[in-house]
Amino acid sequence: MPAFRLHYFDSRGRAEIARLMFNAAGQEFDDVRYSKEEWPAFKPKTPLGQLPVLEVDGKLYAESGAIFNYLARELDILEPFPLLRANRKTVESNSRLAAYLKTRK
């Protein structure tokens, strides 16, 4: 499993979902929180000049939605939730939609 570091401000905000995902999966991660004074020094190092940023084995990734999708797959936390599993089966039963999604993986 890769080493994870989640970078965000010292608040819940957009990174809270990722924190909850890590905890739901029982996955250890470094929760790096920035104050208003610390943020300007780290900002130039981020891919898009914004937070949250997920660091995976030293590489930085931006955009909260992309981070959540990546974590759901990497931490394998979609399957334990029955409604998500049911939705997945519905999508897979639609051959056109399933074919499209296979090209997106």
PDB file of N, CA and C in Angstrom:
ATOM      1  N   MET A   1       0.853  -1.178   0.000  1.00  0.00           N
ATOM      2  CA  MET A   1       0.000   0.000   0.000  1.00  0.00           C
ATOM      3  C   MET A   1       0.897   1.239   0.000  1.00  0.00           C
ATOM      4  N   PRO A   2       0.561   2.223  -0.825  1.00  0.00           N
ATOM      5  CA  PRO A   2       1.387   3.441  -0.869  1.00  0.00           C
ATOM      6  C   PRO A   2       1.306   4.244   0.432  1.00  0.00           C
ATOM      7  N   ALA A   3       2.242   5.154   0.586  1.00  0.00           N
ATOM      8  CA  ALA A   3       2.234   6.070   1.729  1.00  0.00           C
ATOM      9  C   ALA A   3       1.388   7.292   1.359  1.00  0.00           C
ATOM     10  N   PHE A   4       0.410   7.617   2.199  1.00  0.00           N
ATOM     11  CA  PHE A   4      -0.512   8.718   1.925  1.00  0.00           C
ATOM     12  C   PHE A   4      -0.268   9.882   2.869  1.00  0.00           C
ATOM     13  N   ARG A   5      -0.343  11.100   2.310  1.00  0.00           N
ATOM     14  CA  ARG A   5      -0.332  12.337   3.095  1.00  0.00           C
ATOM     15  C   ARG A   5      -1.425  13.231   2.518  1.00  0.00           C
ATOM     16  N   LEU A   6      -2.320  13.667   3.361  1.00  0.00           N
ATOM     17  CA  LEU A   6      -3.395  14.551   2.947  1.00  0.00           C
ATOM     18  C   LEU A   6      -3.073  15.961   3.434  1.00  0.00           C
ATOM     19  N   HIS A   7      -2.992  16.906   2.505  1.00  0.00           N
ATOM     20  CA  HIS A   7      -2.657  18.289   2.822  1.00  0.00           C
ATOM     21  C   HIS A   7      -3.930  19.132   2.738  1.00  0.00           C
ATOM     22  N   TYR A   8      -4.199  19.886   3.816  1.00  0.00           N
ATOM     23  CA  TYR A   8      -5.351  20.786   3.812  1.00  0.00           C
ATOM     24  C   TYR A   8      -5.176  21.813   4.926  1.00  0.00           C
ATOM     25  N   PHE A   9      -6.075  22.762   4.951  1.00  0.00           N
ATOM     26  CA  PHE A   9      -6.056  23.769   6.013  1.00  0.00           C
ATOM     27  C   PHE A   9      -6.432  23.112   7.344  1.00  0.00           C
ATOM     28  N   ASP A  10      -6.197  23.816   8.419  1.00  0.00           N
ATOM     29  CA  ASP A  10      -6.506  23.287   9.738  1.00  0.00           C
ATOM     30  C   ASP A  10      -8.011  23.430  10.018  1.00  0.00           C
ATOM     31  N   SER A  11      -8.793  22.719   9.224  1.00  0.00           N
ATOM     32  CA  SER A  11     -10.258  22.719   9.363  1.00  0.00           C
ATOM     33  C   SER A  11     -10.797  21.481   8.664  1.00  0.00           C
ATOM     34  N   ARG A  12     -12.099  21.273   8.742  1.00  0.00           N
ATOM     35  CA  ARG A  12     -12.706  20.107   8.076  1.00  0.00           C
ATOM     36  C   ARG A  12     -12.761  20.343   6.582  1.00  0.00           C
ATOM     37  N   GLY A  13     -13.678  21.140   6.114  1.00  0.00           N
ATOM     38  CA  GLY A  13     -13.764  21.526   4.715  1.00  0.00           C
ATOM     39  C   GLY A  13     -13.764  20.380   3.727  1.00  0.00           C
ATOM     40  N   ARG A  14     -13.176  20.621   2.571  1.00  0.00           N
ATOM     41  CA  ARG A  14     -13.191  19.652   1.470  1.00  0.00           C
ATOM     42  C   ARG A  14     -12.377  18.392   1.738  1.00  0.00           C
ATOM     43  N   ALA A  15     -11.450  18.438   2.667  1.00  0.00           N
ATOM     44  CA  ALA A  15     -10.615  17.266   2.950  1.00  0.00           C
ATOM     45  C   ALA A  15     -11.271  16.297   3.916  1.00  0.00           C
ATOM     46  N   GLU A  16     -12.364  16.701   4.553  1.00  0.00           N
ATOM     47  CA  GLU A  16     -12.969  15.848   5.577  1.00  0.00           C
ATOM     48  C   GLU A  16     -13.467  14.527   5.002  1.00  0.00           C
ATOM     49  N   ILE A  17     -13.984  14.537   3.800  1.00  0.00           N
ATOM     50  CA  ILE A  17     -14.451  13.287   3.179  1.00  0.00           C
ATOM     51  C   ILE A  17     -13.282  12.319   3.019  1.00  0.00           C
ATOM     52  N   ALA A  18     -12.143  12.812   2.561  1.00  0.00           N
ATOM     53  CA  ALA A  18     -10.969  11.943   2.416  1.00  0.00           C
ATOM     54  C   ALA A  18     -10.534  11.398   3.775  1.00  0.00           C
ATOM     55  N   ARG A  19     -10.564  12.238   4.795  1.00  0.00           N
ATOM     56  CA  ARG A  19     -10.208  11.759   6.146  1.00  0.00           C
ATOM     57  C   ARG A  19     -11.148  10.651   6.599  1.00  0.00           C
ATOM     58  N   LEU A  20     -12.434  10.842   6.351  1.00  0.00           N
ATOM     59  CA  LEU A  20     -13.413   9.819   6.714  1.00  0.00           C
ATOM     60  C   LEU A  20     -13.179   8.526   5.935  1.00  0.00           C
ATOM     61  N   MET A  21     -12.806   8.656   4.663  1.00  0.00           N
ATOM     62  CA  MET A  21     -12.536   7.474   3.841  1.00  0.00           C
ATOM     63  C   MET A  21     -11.342   6.697   4.399  1.00  0.00           C
ATOM     64  N   PHE A  22     -10.278   7.409   4.744  1.00  0.00           N
ATOM     65  CA  PHE A  22      -9.116   6.741   5.329  1.00  0.00           C
ATOM     66  C   PHE A  22      -9.501   6.006   6.605  1.00  0.00           C
ATOM     67  N   ASN A  23     -10.266   6.667   7.451  1.00  0.00           N
ATOM     68  CA  ASN A  23     -10.666   6.049   8.723  1.00  0.00           C
ATOM     69  C   ASN A  23     -11.605   4.874   8.513  1.00  0.00           C
ATOM     70  N   ALA A  24     -12.537   4.985   7.571  1.00  0.00           N
ATOM     71  CA  ALA A  24     -13.462   3.881   7.289  1.00  0.00           C
ATOM     72  C   ALA A  24     -12.713   2.653   6.802  1.00  0.00           C
ATOM     73  N   ALA A  25     -11.640   2.871   6.052  1.00  0.00           N
ATOM     74  CA  ALA A  25     -10.854   1.755   5.526  1.00  0.00           C
ATOM     75  C   ALA A  25      -9.803   1.268   6.510  1.00  0.00           C
ATOM     76  N   GLY A  26      -9.617   1.995   7.605  1.00  0.00           N
ATOM     77  CA  GLY A  26      -8.581   1.612   8.568  1.00  0.00           C
ATOM     78  C   GLY A  26      -7.180   1.865   8.037  1.00  0.00           C
ATOM     79  N   GLN A  27      -7.056   2.799   7.119  1.00  0.00           N
ATOM     80  CA  GLN A  27      -5.772   3.090   6.475  1.00  0.00           C
ATOM     81  C   GLN A  27      -5.071   4.250   7.187  1.00  0.00           C
ATOM     82  N   GLU A  28      -3.823   4.037   7.561  1.00  0.00           N
ATOM     83  CA  GLU A  28      -3.044   5.110   8.166  1.00  0.00           C
ATOM     84  C   GLU A  28      -2.665   6.135   7.104  1.00  0.00           C
ATOM     85  N   PHE A  29      -2.631   7.411   7.512  1.00  0.00           N
ATOM     86  CA  PHE A  29      -2.225   8.485   6.613  1.00  0.00           C
ATOM     87  C   PHE A  29      -1.721   9.643   7.457  1.00  0.00           C
ATOM     88  N   ASP A  30      -0.906  10.480   6.852  1.00  0.00           N
ATOM     89  CA  ASP A  30      -0.442  11.691   7.527  1.00  0.00           C
ATOM     90  C   ASP A  30      -1.419  12.805   7.201  1.00  0.00           C
ATOM     91  N   ASP A  31      -1.966  13.417   8.225  1.00  0.00           N
ATOM     92  CA  ASP A  31      -2.933  14.502   8.067  1.00  0.00           C
ATOM     93  C   ASP A  31      -2.183  15.816   8.272  1.00  0.00           C
ATOM     94  N   VAL A  32      -1.709  16.398   7.169  1.00  0.00           N
ATOM     95  CA  VAL A  32      -0.907  17.618   7.228  1.00  0.00           C
ATOM     96  C   VAL A  32      -1.849  18.813   7.135  1.00  0.00           C
ATOM     97  N   ARG A  33      -1.853  19.637   8.186  1.00  0.00           N
ATOM     98  CA  ARG A  33      -2.766  20.780   8.236  1.00  0.00           C
ATOM     99  C   ARG A  33      -1.967  22.084   8.262  1.00  0.00           C
ATOM    100  N   TYR A  34      -2.421  23.055   7.464  1.00  0.00           N
ATOM    101  CA  TYR A  34      -1.724  24.325   7.332  1.00  0.00           C
ATOM    102  C   TYR A  34      -2.526  25.458   7.955  1.00  0.00           C
ATOM    103  N   SER A  35      -1.825  26.323   8.662  1.00  0.00           N
ATOM    104  CA  SER A  35      -2.444  27.544   9.181  1.00  0.00           C
ATOM    105  C   SER A  35      -2.399  28.601   8.071  1.00  0.00           C
ATOM    106  N   LYS A  36      -3.066  29.708   8.302  1.00  0.00           N
ATOM    107  CA  LYS A  36      -3.043  30.804   7.321  1.00  0.00           C
ATOM    108  C   LYS A  36      -1.621  31.306   7.088  1.00  0.00           C
ATOM    109  N   GLU A  37      -0.801  31.245   8.120  1.00  0.00           N
ATOM    110  CA  GLU A  37       0.577  31.714   8.000  1.00  0.00           C
ATOM    111  C   GLU A  37       1.463  30.718   7.235  1.00  0.00           C
ATOM    112  N   GLU A  38       1.205  29.429   7.363  1.00  0.00           N
ATOM    113  CA  GLU A  38       2.016  28.393   6.701  1.00  0.00           C
ATOM    114  C   GLU A  38       1.640  28.180   5.231  1.00  0.00           C
ATOM    115  N   TRP A  39       0.396  28.427   4.880  1.00  0.00           N
ATOM    116  CA  TRP A  39      -0.118  28.130   3.548  1.00  0.00           C
ATOM    117  C   TRP A  39       0.665  28.813   2.432  1.00  0.00           C
ATOM    118  N   PRO A  40       0.995  30.103   2.496  1.00  0.00           N
ATOM    119  CA  PRO A  40       1.710  30.731   1.378  1.00  0.00           C
ATOM    120  C   PRO A  40       3.037  30.054   1.013  1.00  0.00           C
ATOM    121  N   ALA A  41       3.717  29.458   1.978  1.00  0.00           N
ATOM    122  CA  ALA A  41       4.987  28.770   1.696  1.00  0.00           C
ATOM    123  C   ALA A  41       4.772  27.463   0.940  1.00  0.00           C
ATOM    124  N   PHE A  42       3.642  26.778   1.202  1.00  0.00           N
ATOM    125  CA  PHE A  42       3.386  25.494   0.545  1.00  0.00           C
ATOM    126  C   PHE A  42       2.658  25.662  -0.794  1.00  0.00           C
ATOM    127  N   LYS A  43       1.909  26.734  -0.961  1.00  0.00           N
ATOM    128  CA  LYS A  43       1.070  26.939  -2.146  1.00  0.00           C
ATOM    129  C   LYS A  43       1.808  26.753  -3.476  1.00  0.00           C
ATOM    130  N   PRO A  44       3.015  27.293  -3.669  1.00  0.00           N
ATOM    131  CA  PRO A  44       3.699  27.109  -4.959  1.00  0.00           C
ATOM    132  C   PRO A  44       4.059  25.656  -5.273  1.00  0.00           C
ATOM    133  N   LYS A  45       4.086  24.808  -4.260  1.00  0.00           N
ATOM    134  CA  LYS A  45       4.440  23.401  -4.465  1.00  0.00           C
ATOM    135  C   LYS A  45       3.244  22.563  -4.910  1.00  0.00           C
ATOM    136  N   THR A  46       2.020  23.114  -4.812  1.00  0.00           N
ATOM    137  CA  THR A  46       0.825  22.358  -5.164  1.00  0.00           C
ATOM    138  C   THR A  46       0.601  22.376  -6.675  1.00  0.00           C
ATOM    139  N   PRO A  47      -0.031  21.326  -7.216  1.00  0.00           N
ATOM    140  CA  PRO A  47      -0.239  21.270  -8.665  1.00  0.00           C
ATOM    141  C   PRO A  47      -1.080  22.422  -9.223  1.00  0.00           C
ATOM    142  N   LEU A  48      -2.090  22.851  -8.498  1.00  0.00           N
ATOM    143  CA  LEU A  48      -2.995  23.888  -9.000  1.00  0.00           C
ATOM    144  C   LEU A  48      -3.071  25.109  -8.086  1.00  0.00           C
ATOM    145  N   GLY A  49      -2.199  25.192  -7.104  1.00  0.00           N
ATOM    146  CA  GLY A  49      -2.212  26.322  -6.192  1.00  0.00           C
ATOM    147  C   GLY A  49      -3.394  26.336  -5.249  1.00  0.00           C
ATOM    148  N   GLN A  50      -3.913  25.156  -4.951  1.00  0.00           N
ATOM    149  CA  GLN A  50      -5.074  25.054  -4.061  1.00  0.00           C
ATOM    150  C   GLN A  50      -5.021  23.763  -3.267  1.00  0.00           C
ATOM    151  N   LEU A  51      -5.848  23.690  -2.254  1.00  0.00           N
ATOM    152  CA  LEU A  51      -5.982  22.497  -1.419  1.00  0.00           C
ATOM    153  C   LEU A  51      -7.413  21.994  -1.515  1.00  0.00           C
ATOM    154  N   PRO A  52      -7.697  20.726  -1.282  1.00  0.00           N
ATOM    155  CA  PRO A  52      -6.804  19.703  -0.760  1.00  0.00           C
ATOM    156  C   PRO A  52      -5.871  19.135  -1.815  1.00  0.00           C
ATOM    157  N   VAL A  53      -4.789  18.568  -1.313  1.00  0.00           N
ATOM    158  CA  VAL A  53      -3.827  17.849  -2.144  1.00  0.00           C
ATOM    159  C   VAL A  53      -3.563  16.514  -1.463  1.00  0.00           C
ATOM    160  N   LEU A  54      -3.566  15.456  -2.255  1.00  0.00           N
ATOM    161  CA  LEU A  54      -3.218  14.135  -1.745  1.00  0.00           C
ATOM    162  C   LEU A  54      -1.828  13.794  -2.257  1.00  0.00           C
ATOM    163  N   GLU A  55      -0.943  13.443  -1.341  1.00  0.00           N
ATOM    164  CA  GLU A  55       0.409  13.023  -1.694  1.00  0.00           C
ATOM    165  C   GLU A  55       0.470  11.510  -1.601  1.00  0.00           C
ATOM    166  N   VAL A  56       0.820  10.874  -2.704  1.00  0.00           N
ATOM    167  CA  VAL A  56       0.928   9.417  -2.773  1.00  0.00           C
ATOM    168  C   VAL A  56       2.367   9.083  -3.149  1.00  0.00           C
ATOM    169  N   ASP A  57       3.078   8.510  -2.207  1.00  0.00           N
ATOM    170  CA  ASP A  57       4.485   8.163  -2.416  1.00  0.00           C
ATOM    171  C   ASP A  57       5.290   9.341  -2.967  1.00  0.00           C
ATOM    172  N   GLY A  58       5.035  10.532  -2.424  1.00  0.00           N
ATOM    173  CA  GLY A  58       5.803  11.716  -2.797  1.00  0.00           C
ATOM    174  C   GLY A  58       5.266  12.523  -3.957  1.00  0.00           C
ATOM    175  N   LYS A  59       4.284  12.014  -4.684  1.00  0.00           N
ATOM    176  CA  LYS A  59       3.703  12.746  -5.817  1.00  0.00           C
ATOM    177  C   LYS A  59       2.403  13.401  -5.373  1.00  0.00           C
ATOM    178  N   LEU A  60       2.213  14.667  -5.756  1.00  0.00           N
ATOM    179  CA  LEU A  60       1.051  15.438  -5.331  1.00  0.00           C
ATOM    180  C   LEU A  60      -0.068  15.392  -6.369  1.00  0.00           C
ATOM    181  N   TYR A  61      -1.294  15.194  -5.882  1.00  0.00           N
ATOM    182  CA  TYR A  61      -2.479  15.163  -6.740  1.00  0.00           C
ATOM    183  C   TYR A  61      -3.514  16.131  -6.186  1.00  0.00           C
ATOM    184  N   ALA A  62      -4.158  16.879  -7.077  1.00  0.00           N
ATOM    185  CA  ALA A  62      -5.129  17.890  -6.678  1.00  0.00           C
ATOM    186  C   ALA A  62      -6.545  17.480  -7.070  1.00  0.00           C
ATOM    187  N   GLU A  63      -7.499  18.337  -6.742  1.00  0.00           N
ATOM    188  CA  GLU A  63      -8.919  18.202  -7.048  1.00  0.00           C
ATOM    189  C   GLU A  63      -9.594  17.171  -6.141  1.00  0.00           C
ATOM    190  N   SER A  64     -10.457  17.668  -5.273  1.00  0.00           N
ATOM    191  CA  SER A  64     -11.086  16.815  -4.262  1.00  0.00           C
ATOM    192  C   SER A  64     -11.874  15.656  -4.865  1.00  0.00           C
ATOM    193  N   GLY A  65     -12.632  15.882  -5.924  1.00  0.00           N
ATOM    194  CA  GLY A  65     -13.408  14.797  -6.536  1.00  0.00           C
ATOM    195  C   GLY A  65     -12.525  13.674  -7.050  1.00  0.00           C
ATOM    196  N   ALA A  66     -11.434  14.046  -7.696  1.00  0.00           N
ATOM    197  CA  ALA A  66     -10.490  13.040  -8.195  1.00  0.00           C
ATOM    198  C   ALA A  66      -9.836  12.291  -7.038  1.00  0.00           C
ATOM    199  N   ILE A  67      -9.537  13.009  -5.971  1.00  0.00           N
ATOM    200  CA  ILE A  67      -8.949  12.381  -4.782  1.00  0.00           C
ATOM    201  C   ILE A  67      -9.917  11.358  -4.197  1.00  0.00           C
ATOM    202  N   PHE A  68     -11.198  11.724  -4.079  1.00  0.00           N
ATOM    203  CA  PHE A  68     -12.193  10.816  -3.504  1.00  0.00           C
ATOM    204  C   PHE A  68     -12.361   9.570  -4.373  1.00  0.00           C
ATOM    205  N   ASN A  69     -12.417   9.751  -5.684  1.00  0.00           N
ATOM    206  CA  ASN A  69     -12.553   8.598  -6.587  1.00  0.00           C
ATOM    207  C   ASN A  69     -11.351   7.669  -6.480  1.00  0.00           C
ATOM    208  N   TYR A  70     -10.163   8.256  -6.445  1.00  0.00           N
ATOM    209  CA  TYR A  70      -8.951   7.448  -6.321  1.00  0.00           C
ATOM    210  C   TYR A  70      -8.956   6.660  -5.010  1.00  0.00           C
ATOM    211  N   LEU A  71      -9.277   7.338  -3.912  1.00  0.00           N
ATOM    212  CA  LEU A  71      -9.269   6.662  -2.611  1.00  0.00           C
ATOM    213  C   LEU A  71     -10.315   5.557  -2.535  1.00  0.00           C
ATOM    214  N   ALA A  72     -11.485   5.784  -3.115  1.00  0.00           N
ATOM    215  CA  ALA A  72     -12.527   4.753  -3.092  1.00  0.00           C
ATOM    216  C   ALA A  72     -12.035   3.474  -3.760  1.00  0.00           C
ATOM    217  N   ARG A  73     -11.311   3.629  -4.855  1.00  0.00           N
ATOM    218  CA  ARG A  73     -10.780   2.446  -5.555  1.00  0.00           C
ATOM    219  C   ARG A  73      -9.578   1.855  -4.829  1.00  0.00           C
ATOM    220  N   GLU A  74      -8.646   2.712  -4.456  1.00  0.00           N
ATOM    221  CA  GLU A  74      -7.405   2.242  -3.835  1.00  0.00           C
ATOM    222  C   GLU A  74      -7.654   1.588  -2.475  1.00  0.00           C
ATOM    223  N   LEU A  75      -8.583   2.151  -1.713  1.00  0.00           N
ATOM    224  CA  LEU A  75      -8.867   1.629  -0.371  1.00  0.00           C
ATOM    225  C   LEU A  75      -9.950   0.559  -0.381  1.00  0.00           C
ATOM    226  N   ASP A  76     -10.507   0.315  -1.553  1.00  0.00           N
ATOM    227  CA  ASP A  76     -11.541  -0.701  -1.744  1.00  0.00           C
ATOM    228  C   ASP A  76     -12.690  -0.519  -0.741  1.00  0.00           C
ATOM    229  N   ILE A  77     -13.225   0.699  -0.710  1.00  0.00           N
ATOM    230  CA  ILE A  77     -14.308   0.964   0.238  1.00  0.00           C
ATOM    231  C   ILE A  77     -15.668   1.116  -0.427  1.00  0.00           C
ATOM    232  N   LEU A  78     -15.760   0.884  -1.725  1.00  0.00           N
ATOM    233  CA  LEU A  78     -17.071   0.939  -2.374  1.00  0.00           C
ATOM    234  C   LEU A  78     -17.915  -0.275  -2.023  1.00  0.00           C
ATOM    235  N   GLU A  79     -17.328  -1.434  -2.073  1.00  0.00           N
ATOM    236  CA  GLU A  79     -18.088  -2.671  -1.915  1.00  0.00           C
ATOM    237  C   GLU A  79     -18.771  -2.860  -0.554  1.00  0.00           C
ATOM    238  N   PRO A  80     -18.201  -2.397   0.548  1.00  0.00           N
ATOM    239  CA  PRO A  80     -18.884  -2.633   1.827  1.00  0.00           C
ATOM    240  C   PRO A  80     -20.212  -1.889   1.974  1.00  0.00           C
ATOM    241  N   PHE A  81     -20.480  -0.925   1.104  1.00  0.00           N
ATOM    242  CA  PHE A  81     -21.690  -0.131   1.241  1.00  0.00           C
ATOM    243  C   PHE A  81     -22.759  -0.638   0.272  1.00  0.00           C
ATOM    244  N   PRO A  82     -23.839  -1.216   0.778  1.00  0.00           N
ATOM    245  CA  PRO A  82     -24.848  -1.867  -0.061  1.00  0.00           C
ATOM    246  C   PRO A  82     -25.456  -0.979  -1.146  1.00  0.00           C
ATOM    247  N   LEU A  83     -25.740   0.270  -0.849  1.00  0.00           N
ATOM    248  CA  LEU A  83     -26.347   1.130  -1.873  1.00  0.00           C
ATOM    249  C   LEU A  83     -25.389   1.400  -3.018  1.00  0.00           C
ATOM    250  N   LEU A  84     -24.108   1.577  -2.704  1.00  0.00           N
ATOM    251  CA  LEU A  84     -23.134   1.771  -3.777  1.00  0.00           C
ATOM    252  C   LEU A  84     -22.970   0.493  -4.590  1.00  0.00           C
ATOM    253  N   ARG A  85     -22.989  -0.646  -3.922  1.00  0.00           N
ATOM    254  CA  ARG A  85     -22.883  -1.919  -4.625  1.00  0.00           C
ATOM    255  C   ARG A  85     -24.088  -2.124  -5.537  1.00  0.00           C
ATOM    256  N   ALA A  86     -25.292  -1.774  -5.055  1.00  0.00           N
ATOM    257  CA  ALA A  86     -26.505  -1.910  -5.861  1.00  0.00           C
ATOM    258  C   ALA A  86     -26.443  -0.984  -7.064  1.00  0.00           C
ATOM    259  N   ASN A  87     -25.983   0.231  -6.860  1.00  0.00           N
ATOM    260  CA  ASN A  87     -25.862   1.171  -7.965  1.00  0.00           C
ATOM    261  C   ASN A  87     -24.857   0.668  -8.988  1.00  0.00           C
ATOM    262  N   ARG A  88     -23.774   0.085  -8.510  1.00  0.00           N
ATOM    263  CA  ARG A  88     -22.760  -0.462  -9.419  1.00  0.00           C
ATOM    264  C   ARG A  88     -23.351  -1.578 -10.278  1.00  0.00           C
ATOM    265  N   LYS A  89     -24.164  -2.452  -9.668  1.00  0.00           N
ATOM    266  CA  LYS A  89     -24.778  -3.542 -10.428  1.00  0.00           C
ATOM    267  C   LYS A  89     -25.755  -2.991 -11.461  1.00  0.00           C
ATOM    268  N   THR A  90     -26.478  -1.945 -11.116  1.00  0.00           N
ATOM    269  CA  THR A  90     -27.401  -1.322 -12.070  1.00  0.00           C
ATOM    270  C   THR A  90     -26.638  -0.758 -13.264  1.00  0.00           C
ATOM    271  N   VAL A  91     -25.548  -0.082 -12.987  1.00  0.00           N
ATOM    272  CA  VAL A  91     -24.734   0.492 -14.063  1.00  0.00           C
ATOM    273  C   VAL A  91     -24.159  -0.610 -14.935  1.00  0.00           C
ATOM    274  N   GLU A  92     -23.644  -1.670 -14.317  1.00  0.00           N
ATOM    275  CA  GLU A  92     -23.036  -2.755 -15.081  1.00  0.00           C
ATOM    276  C   GLU A  92     -24.057  -3.505 -15.930  1.00  0.00           C
ATOM    277  N   SER A  93     -25.329  -3.494 -15.515  1.00  0.00           N
ATOM    278  CA  SER A  93     -26.346  -4.197 -16.293  1.00  0.00           C
ATOM    279  C   SER A  93     -26.751  -3.420 -17.544  1.00  0.00           C
ATOM    280  N   ASN A  94     -26.423  -2.153 -17.615  1.00  0.00           N
ATOM    281  CA  ASN A  94     -26.670  -1.349 -18.808  1.00  0.00           C
ATOM    282  C   ASN A  94     -25.449  -1.501 -19.705  1.00  0.00           C
ATOM    283  N   SER A  95     -25.565  -2.280 -20.773  1.00  0.00           N
ATOM    284  CA  SER A  95     -24.400  -2.638 -21.577  1.00  0.00           C
ATOM    285  C   SER A  95     -23.707  -1.421 -22.184  1.00  0.00           C
ATOM    286  N   ARG A  96     -24.457  -0.441 -22.638  1.00  0.00           N
ATOM    287  CA  ARG A  96     -23.836   0.745 -23.242  1.00  0.00           C
ATOM    288  C   ARG A  96     -23.057   1.547 -22.207  1.00  0.00           C
ATOM    289  N   LEU A  97     -23.650   1.720 -21.051  1.00  0.00           N
ATOM    290  CA  LEU A  97     -22.987   2.477 -19.993  1.00  0.00           C
ATOM    291  C   LEU A  97     -21.784   1.701 -19.461  1.00  0.00           C
ATOM    292  N   ALA A  98     -21.925   0.405 -19.294  1.00  0.00           N
ATOM    293  CA  ALA A  98     -20.820  -0.424 -18.813  1.00  0.00           C
ATOM    294  C   ALA A  98     -19.643  -0.382 -19.794  1.00  0.00           C
ATOM    295  N   ALA A  99     -19.932  -0.437 -21.093  1.00  0.00           N
ATOM    296  CA  ALA A  99     -18.873  -0.377 -22.102  1.00  0.00           C
ATOM    297  C   ALA A  99     -18.144   0.964 -22.037  1.00  0.00           C
ATOM    298  N   TYR A 100     -18.907   2.025 -21.861  1.00  0.00           N
ATOM    299  CA  TYR A 100     -18.300   3.345 -21.744  1.00  0.00           C
ATOM    300  C   TYR A 100     -17.411   3.431 -20.505  1.00  0.00           C
ATOM    301  N   LEU A 101     -17.897   2.948 -19.382  1.00  0.00           N
ATOM    302  CA  LEU A 101     -17.126   3.035 -18.142  1.00  0.00           C
ATOM    303  C   LEU A 101     -15.834   2.221 -18.198  1.00  0.00           C
ATOM    304  N   LYS A 102     -15.850   1.114 -18.921  1.00  0.00           N
ATOM    305  CA  LYS A 102     -14.634   0.304 -19.048  1.00  0.00           C
ATOM    306  C   LYS A 102     -13.531   1.088 -19.765  1.00  0.00           C
ATOM    307  N   THR A 103     -13.925   1.987 -20.667  1.00  0.00           N
ATOM    308  CA  THR A 103     -12.918   2.790 -21.362  1.00  0.00           C
ATOM    309  C   THR A 103     -12.372   3.884 -20.466  1.00  0.00           C
ATOM    310  N   ARG A 104     -13.035   4.187 -19.365  1.00  0.00           N
ATOM    311  CA  ARG A 104     -12.653   5.264 -18.467  1.00  0.00           C
ATOM    312  C   ARG A 104     -11.746   4.822 -17.334  1.00  0.00           C
ATOM    313  N   LYS A 105     -11.515   3.517 -17.172  1.00  0.00           N
ATOM    314  CA  LYS A 105     -10.716   3.028 -16.042  1.00  0.00           C
ATOM    315  C   LYS A 105      -9.245   3.252 -16.258  1.00  0.00           C
TER     316      LYS A 105
END
